[in-house]
């Protein structure tokens, strides 16, 4: 199951993958980037210090400051955070993630939202076409769709027979005159 960030980005921790539902783009990211992103998500709305990131993600590596800067910059590009509103920088302190996080990533991330809507549209259109064909057939010949029952057919033949008898009797009367 994926995490969903701002109803747009699926975060697949086990596959180190981020899926942009809006643009239907899947991006594999390095494990460190995923680890950094998950720490920000776990601490949503709270300050995550650079020291904590250096310790947890870079194992206190001496050059971790530059790595953190580059990683945050990459995540901002990936998450379309041009205004730095999603990952907010707190100078000399760290970072704070401001976003809506929920469970609910699609189990089939390879099918984007647009494709699902397209399939639903096609199914609906086919249903409407079938309904239109049925209506046209019924208007041309109602018996094609709802054939008469045996009793109705028998009644119809009796009516036709009685009409025929009446006509026959009327002709006989005319010839007798």
Protein backbone atom coordinates (compact mmCIF):
# COMPACT_ATOMS: atom_id res chain seq x y z
CA UNK A 1 0.00 0.00 0.00
CA UNK A 2 1.29 3.43 -0.87
CA UNK A 3 1.08 6.71 0.95
CA UNK A 4 -0.71 9.48 -0.87
CA UNK A 5 0.68 13.02 -0.66
CA UNK A 6 -1.70 15.89 -1.51
CA UNK A 7 -3.98 13.47 -3.40
CA UNK A 8 -1.45 13.59 -6.20
CA UNK A 9 1.74 11.73 -5.37
CA UNK A 10 1.82 8.03 -4.53
CA UNK A 11 4.81 7.18 -2.36
CA UNK A 12 5.81 3.51 -2.77
CA UNK A 13 8.39 2.88 -0.04
CA UNK A 14 9.04 -0.77 -0.88
CA UNK A 15 9.80 0.07 -4.53
CA UNK A 16 11.52 3.45 -3.97
CA UNK A 17 9.03 4.92 -6.39
CA UNK A 18 6.98 8.13 -6.56
CA UNK A 19 4.02 8.27 -8.94
CA UNK A 20 2.64 11.63 -10.04
CA UNK A 21 -1.04 10.87 -10.68
CA UNK A 22 -1.65 14.20 -12.38
CA UNK A 23 1.03 13.81 -15.04
CA UNK A 24 1.10 9.98 -14.98
CA UNK A 25 4.86 9.92 -14.33
CA UNK A 26 6.59 7.20 -12.31
CA UNK A 27 10.00 8.03 -10.87
CA UNK A 28 12.40 5.62 -9.15
CA UNK A 29 14.39 7.39 -6.47
CA UNK A 30 17.49 6.46 -4.49
CA UNK A 31 16.93 4.80 -1.10
CA UNK A 32 18.37 7.84 0.70
CA UNK A 33 15.87 10.14 -1.01
CA UNK A 34 13.04 7.81 -0.05
CA UNK A 35 14.30 7.68 3.52
CA UNK A 36 14.47 11.49 3.66
CA UNK A 37 10.97 11.82 2.20
CA UNK A 38 9.54 9.29 4.68
CA UNK A 39 11.13 11.11 7.64
CA UNK A 40 9.51 14.34 6.46
CA UNK A 41 6.16 12.55 6.04
CA UNK A 42 6.39 10.91 9.49
CA UNK A 43 7.02 14.34 11.00
CA UNK A 44 4.48 16.23 8.91
CA UNK A 45 3.93 19.74 10.25
CA UNK A 46 6.94 19.46 12.58
CA UNK A 47 10.49 20.73 12.20
CA UNK A 48 12.91 18.03 11.07
CA UNK A 49 16.40 19.23 11.94
CA UNK A 50 19.34 18.96 9.60
CA UNK A 51 21.17 17.13 12.39
CA UNK A 52 18.45 14.46 12.54
CA UNK A 53 18.61 14.01 8.76
CA UNK A 54 22.41 13.83 8.84
CA UNK A 55 22.21 11.16 11.52
CA UNK A 56 19.32 9.04 10.18
CA UNK A 57 19.91 9.29 6.43
CA UNK A 58 23.64 10.00 6.05
CA UNK A 59 24.98 8.20 9.18
CA UNK A 60 26.65 11.43 10.33
CA UNK A 61 28.83 11.56 7.23
CA UNK A 62 31.00 14.72 7.37
CA UNK A 63 29.78 16.07 4.00
CA UNK A 64 26.12 15.39 4.70
CA UNK A 65 25.15 19.10 4.61
CA UNK A 66 25.61 19.31 0.85
CA UNK A 67 23.87 15.96 0.39
CA UNK A 68 20.85 17.17 2.36
CA UNK A 69 20.67 20.37 0.27
CA UNK A 70 20.81 18.42 -3.00
CA UNK A 71 18.32 15.80 -1.80
CA UNK A 72 15.76 18.39 -0.68
CA UNK A 73 16.20 20.26 -3.96
CA UNK A 74 15.59 17.04 -5.92
CA UNK A 75 12.49 16.17 -3.86
CA UNK A 76 11.08 19.66 -4.45
CA UNK A 77 11.45 19.21 -8.20
CA UNK A 78 9.95 15.74 -8.05
CA UNK A 79 6.97 16.95 -5.98
CA UNK A 80 6.44 20.07 -8.12
CA UNK A 81 7.24 22.33 -5.15
CA UNK A 82 8.53 25.40 -7.03
CA UNK A 83 7.33 27.82 -4.34
CA UNK A 84 8.88 25.76 -1.52
CA UNK A 85 5.50 25.53 0.20
CA UNK A 86 5.36 21.74 0.47
CA UNK A 87 8.88 21.34 1.89
CA UNK A 88 9.43 24.55 3.79
CA UNK A 89 12.99 25.54 4.75
CA UNK A 90 13.55 26.90 8.24
CA UNK A 91 16.98 28.58 8.00
CA UNK A 92 19.60 27.12 10.35
CA UNK A 93 16.99 24.71 11.75
CA UNK A 94 15.77 22.26 9.14
CA UNK A 95 12.69 21.49 7.10
CA UNK A 96 8.97 21.12 7.62
CA UNK A 97 6.61 19.20 5.34
CA UNK A 98 3.23 20.86 4.81
CA UNK A 99 0.97 18.48 2.95
CA UNK A 100 -1.99 16.17 3.23
CA UNK A 101 -0.95 12.56 3.73
CA UNK A 102 -3.24 9.56 3.53
CA UNK A 103 -3.18 5.86 2.83
CA UNK A 104 -4.73 4.87 -0.42
CA UNK A 105 -2.33 4.60 -3.26
CA UNK A 106 -3.62 2.51 -6.10
CA UNK A 107 -2.51 -1.11 -6.00
CA UNK A 108 -2.02 -0.87 -9.76
CA UNK A 109 -0.06 2.32 -10.12
CA UNK A 110 0.64 1.62 -13.77
CA UNK A 111 -2.95 2.57 -14.60
CA UNK A 112 -3.24 6.32 -14.18
CA UNK A 113 -6.35 8.24 -13.28
CA UNK A 114 -6.93 9.40 -16.85
CA UNK A 115 -6.82 5.85 -18.17
CA UNK A 116 -9.39 4.74 -15.59
CA UNK A 117 -11.68 7.61 -16.54
CA UNK A 118 -11.22 6.76 -20.22
CA UNK A 119 -12.21 3.13 -19.62
CA UNK A 120 -15.26 4.20 -17.60
CA UNK A 121 -16.26 6.56 -20.42
CA UNK A 122 -15.94 3.81 -23.03
CA UNK A 123 -18.02 1.36 -20.99
CA UNK A 124 -20.73 4.00 -20.50
CA UNK A 125 -20.69 4.92 -24.20
CA UNK A 126 -21.05 1.25 -25.20
CA UNK A 127 -23.99 0.85 -22.84
CA UNK A 128 -25.71 3.90 -24.32
CA UNK A 129 -25.11 2.61 -27.87
CA UNK A 130 -26.64 -0.78 -27.01
CA UNK A 131 -29.65 0.94 -25.48
CA UNK A 132 -30.08 3.12 -28.60
CA UNK A 133 -29.91 0.06 -30.89
CA UNK A 134 -32.53 -1.72 -28.79
CA UNK A 135 -34.83 1.33 -29.01
CA UNK A 136 -34.44 1.57 -32.79
CA UNK A 137 -35.19 -2.14 -33.23
CA UNK A 138 -38.24 -1.87 -31.01
CA UNK A 139 -39.57 1.15 -32.89
CA UNK A 140 -39.22 -0.67 -36.22
CA UNK A 141 -40.75 -3.90 -34.98
CA UNK A 142 -41.85 -4.08 -31.33
CA UNK A 143 -42.25 -7.85 -31.59
CA UNK A 144 -38.48 -8.30 -32.00
CA UNK A 145 -37.84 -7.25 -28.42
CA UNK A 146 -41.11 -8.29 -26.74
CA UNK A 147 -42.72 -11.09 -28.77
CA UNK A 148 -46.42 -11.75 -28.22
CA UNK A 149 -47.37 -14.58 -25.94
CA UNK A 150 -49.20 -17.62 -27.29
CA UNK A 151 -52.49 -16.34 -25.82
CA UNK A 152 -52.06 -12.96 -27.54
CA UNK A 153 -51.31 -14.66 -30.85
CA UNK A 154 -54.38 -16.89 -30.49
CA UNK A 155 -56.57 -13.88 -29.68
CA UNK A 156 -55.19 -12.01 -32.71
CA UNK A 157 -55.93 -14.95 -35.03
CA UNK A 158 -59.51 -15.14 -33.66
CA UNK A 159 -60.00 -11.44 -34.34
CA UNK A 160 -58.69 -11.80 -37.88
CA UNK A 161 -60.88 -14.88 -38.46
CA UNK A 162 -63.99 -13.09 -37.21
CA UNK A 163 -63.21 -10.12 -39.49
CA UNK A 164 -62.81 -12.49 -42.39
CA UNK A 165 -66.12 -14.23 -41.54
CA UNK A 166 -67.88 -10.86 -41.34
CA UNK A 167 -66.54 -9.84 -44.74
CA UNK A 168 -67.54 -13.19 -46.23
CA UNK A 169 -71.07 -12.85 -44.86
CA UNK A 170 -71.34 -9.28 -46.15
CA UNK A 171 -70.33 -10.43 -49.67
CA UNK A 172 -72.90 -13.19 -49.58
CA UNK A 173 -75.62 -10.71 -48.66
CA UNK A 174 -74.66 -8.42 -51.52
CA UNK A 175 -74.69 -11.19 -54.09
CA UNK A 176 -78.07 -12.40 -52.81
CA UNK A 177 -79.65 -8.99 -53.43
